[in-house]
Amino acid sequence: MLRPALTAFFALLSVSWGASALVVPLKGWTPIGGDASQWQDAAGACLIREDKYGQAFPQLTDKQQATATANRLRSSLTAGGLKEVVTQPVAGEGGAWNVLASYAYQESGVTYRISQLFMSQGGILRTVSGSSALNNTNACANAMRDFIRYSVN
């Protein structure tokens, strides 16, 4: 099962705060332990997690700002030892822009593919991250990535 390793990974990335209200409308997905900030598919092969950070993250108001932020994020993730890092600006809600990152993370001999959307919520960093084992052939992986890319705001 994927959850313990990824929960530890996300714990290293941040300290969450505040109540979360992420709704994952994917068939068969349920909150983990009743926590609406963490969801998994029925097989436990894919995980979606929402985090809010105490870190300032200004609203990105145009594609140029989002592209510059995506480039800095790519450099930072690569310098942090993550592999296959790709970042891109994505249009968000209300004219805002977000940054979508994809990368490989290895733990305990297993490589995970992470998709992570970086957004500003009231000037504070909020992320929604999805993960699955790199060799996962479960349909949940593509549905999860599409949800993060096109449905999260």
N, C-alpha and C. Protein backbone atom coordinates (compact mmCIF):
# COMPACT_ATOMS: atom_id res chain seq x y z
N MET A 1 0.84 -1.18 0.00
CA MET A 1 0.00 0.00 0.00
C MET A 1 0.88 1.24 0.00
N LEU A 2 0.49 2.22 -0.68
CA LEU A 2 1.23 3.43 -0.94
C LEU A 2 1.20 4.43 0.21
N ARG A 3 0.17 4.50 0.94
CA ARG A 3 -0.08 5.57 1.88
C ARG A 3 1.01 5.82 2.92
N PRO A 4 1.54 4.85 3.67
CA PRO A 4 2.51 5.18 4.71
C PRO A 4 3.75 5.90 4.19
N ALA A 5 4.31 5.46 3.10
CA ALA A 5 5.52 6.10 2.56
C ALA A 5 5.23 7.52 2.10
N LEU A 6 4.11 7.72 1.45
CA LEU A 6 3.80 9.06 0.95
C LEU A 6 3.38 9.99 2.06
N THR A 7 2.71 9.48 3.06
CA THR A 7 2.35 10.32 4.19
C THR A 7 3.62 10.86 4.84
N ALA A 8 4.62 10.01 4.99
CA ALA A 8 5.90 10.44 5.56
C ALA A 8 6.57 11.48 4.66
N PHE A 9 6.52 11.27 3.35
CA PHE A 9 7.12 12.21 2.41
C PHE A 9 6.47 13.58 2.52
N PHE A 10 5.14 13.61 2.51
CA PHE A 10 4.45 14.90 2.59
C PHE A 10 4.67 15.57 3.94
N ALA A 11 4.85 14.79 5.00
CA ALA A 11 5.14 15.36 6.30
C ALA A 11 6.48 16.09 6.27
N LEU A 12 7.43 15.58 5.51
CA LEU A 12 8.72 16.25 5.39
C LEU A 12 8.60 17.56 4.64
N LEU A 13 7.65 17.66 3.73
CA LEU A 13 7.50 18.87 2.93
C LEU A 13 6.88 20.02 3.72
N SER A 14 6.03 19.71 4.69
CA SER A 14 5.27 20.80 5.28
C SER A 14 4.73 20.48 6.65
N VAL A 15 4.24 21.53 7.25
CA VAL A 15 3.41 21.41 8.43
C VAL A 15 2.07 21.98 8.03
N SER A 16 1.05 21.16 8.06
CA SER A 16 -0.29 21.61 7.67
C SER A 16 -0.92 22.43 8.78
N TRP A 17 -1.83 23.32 8.38
CA TRP A 17 -2.57 24.08 9.37
C TRP A 17 -3.95 24.35 8.82
N GLY A 18 -4.87 24.63 9.71
CA GLY A 18 -6.21 24.99 9.31
C GLY A 18 -7.03 23.80 8.88
N ALA A 19 -8.33 24.02 8.80
CA ALA A 19 -9.23 22.97 8.37
C ALA A 19 -9.24 22.91 6.85
N SER A 20 -9.26 21.72 6.33
CA SER A 20 -9.28 21.55 4.89
C SER A 20 -10.66 21.11 4.46
N ALA A 21 -11.00 21.45 3.25
CA ALA A 21 -12.30 21.06 2.74
C ALA A 21 -12.17 20.58 1.30
N LEU A 22 -11.13 19.84 1.00
CA LEU A 22 -10.94 19.33 -0.34
C LEU A 22 -12.00 18.27 -0.61
N VAL A 23 -12.66 18.40 -1.73
CA VAL A 23 -13.63 17.40 -2.14
C VAL A 23 -13.09 16.73 -3.40
N VAL A 24 -12.95 15.42 -3.35
CA VAL A 24 -12.44 14.66 -4.48
C VAL A 24 -13.61 13.89 -5.07
N PRO A 25 -14.16 14.38 -6.17
CA PRO A 25 -15.36 13.75 -6.73
C PRO A 25 -15.06 12.59 -7.68
N LEU A 26 -14.04 11.82 -7.37
CA LEU A 26 -13.68 10.69 -8.21
C LEU A 26 -14.34 9.44 -7.66
N LYS A 27 -14.93 8.66 -8.52
CA LYS A 27 -15.66 7.46 -8.10
C LYS A 27 -14.74 6.50 -7.35
N GLY A 28 -15.20 6.08 -6.17
CA GLY A 28 -14.46 5.11 -5.38
C GLY A 28 -13.42 5.71 -4.45
N TRP A 29 -13.21 7.02 -4.50
CA TRP A 29 -12.23 7.67 -3.64
C TRP A 29 -12.89 8.03 -2.32
N THR A 30 -12.16 7.87 -1.22
CA THR A 30 -12.69 8.17 0.11
C THR A 30 -11.64 8.91 0.93
N PRO A 31 -12.10 9.72 1.89
CA PRO A 31 -11.15 10.37 2.80
C PRO A 31 -10.45 9.31 3.65
N ILE A 32 -9.20 9.55 3.97
CA ILE A 32 -8.43 8.62 4.79
C ILE A 32 -8.70 8.94 6.25
N GLY A 33 -9.27 7.99 6.96
CA GLY A 33 -9.56 8.18 8.38
C GLY A 33 -10.49 9.34 8.65
N GLY A 34 -11.36 9.67 7.70
CA GLY A 34 -12.28 10.78 7.87
C GLY A 34 -11.65 12.15 7.68
N ASP A 35 -10.39 12.21 7.31
CA ASP A 35 -9.67 13.46 7.11
C ASP A 35 -9.90 13.95 5.68
N ALA A 36 -10.64 15.03 5.51
CA ALA A 36 -10.98 15.52 4.17
C ALA A 36 -9.80 16.15 3.44
N SER A 37 -8.62 16.18 4.06
CA SER A 37 -7.44 16.70 3.35
C SER A 37 -6.63 15.58 2.71
N GLN A 38 -7.01 14.32 2.95
CA GLN A 38 -6.31 13.17 2.37
C GLN A 38 -7.33 12.18 1.81
N TRP A 39 -7.15 11.81 0.55
CA TRP A 39 -8.08 10.90 -0.12
C TRP A 39 -7.30 9.79 -0.80
N GLN A 40 -7.90 8.61 -0.87
CA GLN A 40 -7.27 7.51 -1.62
C GLN A 40 -8.33 6.79 -2.44
N ASP A 41 -7.86 6.14 -3.51
CA ASP A 41 -8.77 5.36 -4.33
C ASP A 41 -9.08 4.05 -3.60
N ALA A 42 -10.05 3.31 -4.11
CA ALA A 42 -10.51 2.08 -3.45
C ALA A 42 -9.40 1.05 -3.28
N ALA A 43 -8.47 0.99 -4.21
CA ALA A 43 -7.39 0.01 -4.14
C ALA A 43 -6.21 0.47 -3.28
N GLY A 44 -6.20 1.74 -2.90
CA GLY A 44 -5.08 2.28 -2.14
C GLY A 44 -3.85 2.51 -3.00
N ALA A 45 -4.03 2.57 -4.31
CA ALA A 45 -2.90 2.74 -5.23
C ALA A 45 -2.56 4.20 -5.49
N CYS A 46 -3.50 5.10 -5.23
CA CYS A 46 -3.30 6.52 -5.48
C CYS A 46 -3.75 7.33 -4.27
N LEU A 47 -3.06 8.44 -4.04
CA LEU A 47 -3.34 9.30 -2.89
C LEU A 47 -3.38 10.75 -3.35
N ILE A 48 -4.36 11.50 -2.85
CA ILE A 48 -4.43 12.94 -3.06
C ILE A 48 -4.41 13.58 -1.68
N ARG A 49 -3.59 14.63 -1.56
CA ARG A 49 -3.45 15.30 -0.27
C ARG A 49 -3.43 16.80 -0.47
N GLU A 50 -4.14 17.51 0.38
CA GLU A 50 -4.13 18.97 0.40
C GLU A 50 -3.33 19.44 1.60
N ASP A 51 -2.47 20.43 1.37
CA ASP A 51 -1.71 21.03 2.46
C ASP A 51 -1.80 22.54 2.37
N LYS A 52 -1.87 23.16 3.53
CA LYS A 52 -1.78 24.61 3.63
C LYS A 52 -0.56 24.91 4.48
N TYR A 53 0.23 25.86 4.02
CA TYR A 53 1.49 26.17 4.66
C TYR A 53 1.42 27.57 5.27
N GLY A 54 2.22 27.83 6.24
CA GLY A 54 2.31 29.17 6.80
C GLY A 54 3.17 30.09 5.96
N GLN A 55 3.65 29.57 4.85
CA GLN A 55 4.57 30.30 3.98
C GLN A 55 3.82 31.25 3.05
N ALA A 56 4.32 32.47 2.95
CA ALA A 56 3.72 33.44 2.02
C ALA A 56 3.88 32.95 0.59
N PHE A 57 2.83 33.14 -0.19
CA PHE A 57 2.87 32.78 -1.61
C PHE A 57 1.91 33.74 -2.31
N PRO A 58 2.46 34.75 -2.96
CA PRO A 58 1.59 35.78 -3.56
C PRO A 58 0.74 35.23 -4.70
N GLN A 59 -0.39 35.88 -4.88
CA GLN A 59 -1.28 35.54 -6.00
C GLN A 59 -0.52 35.79 -7.30
N LEU A 60 -0.54 34.82 -8.20
CA LEU A 60 0.09 34.98 -9.51
C LEU A 60 -0.99 35.51 -10.45
N THR A 61 -0.79 36.72 -10.94
CA THR A 61 -1.86 37.40 -11.68
C THR A 61 -1.73 37.29 -13.20
N ASP A 62 -0.61 36.78 -13.68
CA ASP A 62 -0.49 36.61 -15.13
C ASP A 62 0.42 35.43 -15.45
N LYS A 63 0.41 35.05 -16.70
CA LYS A 63 1.19 33.87 -17.12
C LYS A 63 2.68 34.08 -16.94
N GLN A 64 3.15 35.31 -17.13
CA GLN A 64 4.58 35.59 -16.98
C GLN A 64 5.04 35.35 -15.54
N GLN A 65 4.26 35.82 -14.57
CA GLN A 65 4.59 35.57 -13.16
C GLN A 65 4.59 34.08 -12.86
N ALA A 66 3.57 33.39 -13.37
CA ALA A 66 3.46 31.95 -13.13
C ALA A 66 4.62 31.19 -13.78
N THR A 67 5.03 31.61 -14.96
CA THR A 67 6.16 30.96 -15.64
C THR A 67 7.45 31.17 -14.85
N ALA A 68 7.68 32.38 -14.38
CA ALA A 68 8.88 32.67 -13.58
C ALA A 68 8.87 31.84 -12.29
N THR A 69 7.71 31.74 -11.66
CA THR A 69 7.59 30.93 -10.44
C THR A 69 7.81 29.46 -10.75
N ALA A 70 7.27 28.99 -11.86
CA ALA A 70 7.45 27.59 -12.27
C ALA A 70 8.93 27.29 -12.50
N ASN A 71 9.65 28.21 -13.11
CA ASN A 71 11.07 28.01 -13.37
C ASN A 71 11.87 27.95 -12.06
N ARG A 72 11.55 28.85 -11.12
CA ARG A 72 12.24 28.83 -9.81
C ARG A 72 11.91 27.54 -9.06
N LEU A 73 10.66 27.12 -9.12
CA LEU A 73 10.25 25.89 -8.44
C LEU A 73 10.97 24.68 -9.02
N ARG A 74 11.07 24.62 -10.35
CA ARG A 74 11.77 23.51 -11.00
C ARG A 74 13.22 23.44 -10.52
N SER A 75 13.88 24.58 -10.45
CA SER A 75 15.27 24.62 -9.97
C SER A 75 15.36 24.15 -8.52
N SER A 76 14.44 24.59 -7.70
CA SER A 76 14.45 24.22 -6.29
C SER A 76 14.19 22.73 -6.09
N LEU A 77 13.21 22.18 -6.79
CA LEU A 77 12.90 20.75 -6.66
C LEU A 77 14.06 19.89 -7.16
N THR A 78 14.66 20.31 -8.25
CA THR A 78 15.81 19.57 -8.80
C THR A 78 16.98 19.63 -7.82
N ALA A 79 17.26 20.81 -7.27
CA ALA A 79 18.34 20.96 -6.30
C ALA A 79 18.08 20.13 -5.05
N GLY A 80 16.80 19.89 -4.74
CA GLY A 80 16.43 19.08 -3.59
C GLY A 80 16.54 17.59 -3.84
N GLY A 81 17.00 17.21 -5.03
CA GLY A 81 17.23 15.80 -5.32
C GLY A 81 16.09 15.06 -5.99
N LEU A 82 15.03 15.75 -6.33
CA LEU A 82 13.93 15.09 -7.03
C LEU A 82 14.30 14.90 -8.49
N LYS A 83 13.75 13.88 -9.10
CA LYS A 83 14.08 13.51 -10.48
C LYS A 83 12.91 13.79 -11.41
N GLU A 84 13.23 13.89 -12.70
CA GLU A 84 12.22 14.05 -13.75
C GLU A 84 11.26 15.20 -13.45
N VAL A 85 11.81 16.33 -13.01
CA VAL A 85 11.01 17.48 -12.60
C VAL A 85 10.54 18.26 -13.83
N VAL A 86 9.25 18.49 -13.89
CA VAL A 86 8.63 19.31 -14.93
C VAL A 86 7.68 20.27 -14.23
N THR A 87 7.72 21.54 -14.59
CA THR A 87 6.78 22.52 -14.03
C THR A 87 6.15 23.30 -15.16
N GLN A 88 4.94 23.80 -14.92
CA GLN A 88 4.27 24.62 -15.92
C GLN A 88 3.24 25.53 -15.26
N PRO A 89 3.02 26.70 -15.84
CA PRO A 89 1.95 27.57 -15.34
C PRO A 89 0.60 27.03 -15.82
N VAL A 90 -0.42 27.15 -14.96
CA VAL A 90 -1.77 26.74 -15.35
C VAL A 90 -2.76 27.81 -14.89
N ALA A 91 -3.71 28.10 -15.74
CA ALA A 91 -4.74 29.09 -15.41
C ALA A 91 -5.60 28.55 -14.28
N GLY A 92 -5.86 29.41 -13.31
CA GLY A 92 -6.70 29.03 -12.18
C GLY A 92 -8.03 29.75 -12.22
N GLU A 93 -8.64 29.84 -11.08
CA GLU A 93 -9.96 30.44 -10.94
C GLU A 93 -9.85 31.96 -10.83
N GLY A 94 -10.79 32.67 -11.41
CA GLY A 94 -10.85 34.11 -11.26
C GLY A 94 -9.69 34.87 -11.84
N GLY A 95 -9.05 34.35 -12.87
CA GLY A 95 -7.93 35.04 -13.50
C GLY A 95 -6.59 34.80 -12.83
N ALA A 96 -6.57 34.08 -11.74
CA ALA A 96 -5.31 33.76 -11.06
C ALA A 96 -4.59 32.67 -11.83
N TRP A 97 -3.29 32.57 -11.58
CA TRP A 97 -2.47 31.52 -12.18
C TRP A 97 -1.86 30.68 -11.07
N ASN A 98 -1.66 29.41 -11.36
CA ASN A 98 -1.06 28.46 -10.44
C ASN A 98 0.14 27.81 -11.12
N VAL A 99 0.87 26.98 -10.38
CA VAL A 99 1.99 26.25 -10.95
C VAL A 99 1.78 24.76 -10.69
N LEU A 100 1.88 23.98 -11.75
CA LEU A 100 1.76 22.53 -11.66
C LEU A 100 3.15 21.92 -11.80
N ALA A 101 3.51 21.06 -10.85
CA ALA A 101 4.80 20.37 -10.89
C ALA A 101 4.57 18.87 -10.95
N SER A 102 5.44 18.19 -11.65
CA SER A 102 5.43 16.74 -11.71
C SER A 102 6.86 16.28 -11.48
N TYR A 103 7.03 15.25 -10.65
CA TYR A 103 8.38 14.77 -10.38
C TYR A 103 8.34 13.35 -9.85
N ALA A 104 9.50 12.73 -9.85
CA ALA A 104 9.65 11.38 -9.30
C ALA A 104 10.32 11.49 -7.93
N TYR A 105 9.82 10.71 -7.00
CA TYR A 105 10.34 10.67 -5.64
C TYR A 105 10.55 9.21 -5.27
N GLN A 106 11.71 8.90 -4.70
CA GLN A 106 12.00 7.51 -4.34
C GLN A 106 12.10 7.37 -2.84
N GLU A 107 11.45 6.31 -2.33
CA GLU A 107 11.53 5.99 -0.91
C GLU A 107 11.43 4.48 -0.74
N SER A 108 12.32 3.93 0.05
CA SER A 108 12.32 2.49 0.36
C SER A 108 12.31 1.63 -0.90
N GLY A 109 13.04 2.08 -1.92
CA GLY A 109 13.17 1.31 -3.14
C GLY A 109 12.00 1.43 -4.10
N VAL A 110 11.00 2.25 -3.76
CA VAL A 110 9.84 2.44 -4.63
C VAL A 110 9.89 3.87 -5.17
N THR A 111 9.67 4.01 -6.48
CA THR A 111 9.61 5.33 -7.09
C THR A 111 8.16 5.73 -7.26
N TYR A 112 7.83 6.93 -6.81
CA TYR A 112 6.48 7.48 -6.91
C TYR A 112 6.48 8.62 -7.91
N ARG A 113 5.40 8.76 -8.65
CA ARG A 113 5.18 9.91 -9.54
C ARG A 113 4.27 10.86 -8.77
N ILE A 114 4.72 12.08 -8.57
CA ILE A 114 3.98 13.10 -7.84
C ILE A 114 3.52 14.18 -8.81
N SER A 115 2.27 14.58 -8.71
CA SER A 115 1.75 15.76 -9.39
C SER A 115 1.32 16.70 -8.28
N GLN A 116 1.80 17.95 -8.34
CA GLN A 116 1.54 18.88 -7.24
C GLN A 116 1.18 20.25 -7.80
N LEU A 117 0.02 20.75 -7.39
CA LEU A 117 -0.45 22.06 -7.81
C LEU A 117 -0.19 23.06 -6.70
N PHE A 118 0.55 24.14 -7.02
CA PHE A 118 0.89 25.19 -6.07
C PHE A 118 -0.01 26.38 -6.33
N MET A 119 -0.73 26.83 -5.29
CA MET A 119 -1.70 27.93 -5.42
C MET A 119 -1.55 28.90 -4.26
N SER A 120 -2.02 30.13 -4.48
CA SER A 120 -2.09 31.10 -3.40
C SER A 120 -3.52 31.11 -2.88
N GLN A 121 -3.66 31.00 -1.57
CA GLN A 121 -4.97 31.11 -0.94
C GLN A 121 -4.85 32.19 0.13
N GLY A 122 -5.32 33.38 -0.21
CA GLY A 122 -5.19 34.50 0.72
C GLY A 122 -3.74 34.88 0.97
N GLY A 123 -2.88 34.70 -0.03
CA GLY A 123 -1.48 35.05 0.10
C GLY A 123 -0.63 33.99 0.78
N ILE A 124 -1.23 32.83 1.07
CA ILE A 124 -0.54 31.72 1.75
C ILE A 124 -0.50 30.53 0.79
N LEU A 125 0.60 29.79 0.81
CA LEU A 125 0.77 28.64 -0.07
C LEU A 125 -0.19 27.50 0.28
N ARG A 126 -0.87 27.01 -0.72
CA ARG A 126 -1.73 25.83 -0.62
C ARG A 126 -1.32 24.90 -1.75
N THR A 127 -1.17 23.62 -1.46
CA THR A 127 -0.88 22.65 -2.50
C THR A 127 -1.89 21.51 -2.47
N VAL A 128 -2.13 20.95 -3.63
CA VAL A 128 -2.86 19.69 -3.74
C VAL A 128 -1.93 18.76 -4.51
N SER A 129 -1.61 17.64 -3.87
CA SER A 129 -0.62 16.71 -4.41
C SER A 129 -1.26 15.35 -4.64
N GLY A 130 -0.89 14.73 -5.73
CA GLY A 130 -1.34 13.37 -6.01
C GLY A 130 -0.14 12.49 -6.24
N SER A 131 -0.24 11.26 -5.79
CA SER A 131 0.90 10.36 -5.94
C SER A 131 0.45 8.94 -6.19
N SER A 132 1.30 8.25 -6.92
CA SER A 132 1.10 6.82 -7.19
C SER A 132 2.47 6.23 -7.51
N ALA A 133 2.57 4.93 -7.32
CA ALA A 133 3.83 4.26 -7.68
C ALA A 133 4.07 4.45 -9.17
N LEU A 134 5.33 4.65 -9.54
CA LEU A 134 5.68 4.93 -10.93
C LEU A 134 5.18 3.85 -11.88
N ASN A 135 5.23 2.60 -11.46
CA ASN A 135 4.81 1.50 -12.32
C ASN A 135 3.32 1.17 -12.16
N ASN A 136 2.57 2.06 -11.53
CA ASN A 136 1.14 1.84 -11.30
C ASN A 136 0.39 1.86 -12.64
N THR A 137 -0.31 0.79 -12.93
CA THR A 137 -1.12 0.74 -14.15
C THR A 137 -2.60 0.91 -13.83
N ASN A 138 -2.91 1.21 -12.58
CA ASN A 138 -4.28 1.43 -12.15
C ASN A 138 -4.81 2.71 -12.81
N ALA A 139 -6.05 2.70 -13.22
CA ALA A 139 -6.66 3.86 -13.88
C ALA A 139 -6.73 5.07 -12.96
N CYS A 140 -6.57 4.87 -11.67
CA CYS A 140 -6.67 5.99 -10.73
C CYS A 140 -5.60 7.04 -11.00
N ALA A 141 -4.44 6.64 -11.49
CA ALA A 141 -3.34 7.59 -11.67
C ALA A 141 -3.69 8.68 -12.68
N ASN A 142 -4.22 8.31 -13.82
CA ASN A 142 -4.58 9.32 -14.82
C ASN A 142 -5.74 10.18 -14.36
N ALA A 143 -6.75 9.57 -13.73
CA ALA A 143 -7.89 10.32 -13.23
C ALA A 143 -7.43 11.33 -12.17
N MET A 144 -6.53 10.90 -11.30
CA MET A 144 -6.00 11.76 -10.25
C MET A 144 -5.25 12.95 -10.85
N ARG A 145 -4.39 12.69 -11.82
CA ARG A 145 -3.61 13.78 -12.44
C ARG A 145 -4.54 14.77 -13.16
N ASP A 146 -5.55 14.25 -13.85
CA ASP A 146 -6.50 15.14 -14.52
C ASP A 146 -7.27 15.99 -13.50
N PHE A 147 -7.67 15.37 -12.40
CA PHE A 147 -8.39 16.11 -11.36
C PHE A 147 -7.52 17.25 -10.84
N ILE A 148 -6.27 16.97 -10.53
CA ILE A 148 -5.38 18.01 -9.99
C ILE A 148 -5.15 19.10 -11.02
N ARG A 149 -4.94 18.74 -12.26
CA ARG A 149 -4.64 19.72 -13.31
C ARG A 149 -5.85 20.58 -13.68
N TYR A 150 -7.02 19.95 -13.78
CA TYR A 150 -8.17 20.67 -14.35
C TYR A 150 -9.27 21.04 -13.36
N SER A 151 -9.32 20.43 -12.18
CA SER A 151 -10.49 20.62 -11.31
C SER A 151 -10.21 21.31 -9.98
N VAL A 152 -8.98 21.36 -9.54
CA VAL A 152 -8.68 21.95 -8.24
C VAL A 152 -8.56 23.46 -8.36
N ASN A 153 -9.17 24.16 -7.45
CA ASN A 153 -9.05 25.62 -7.35
C ASN A 153 -9.03 26.01 -5.90
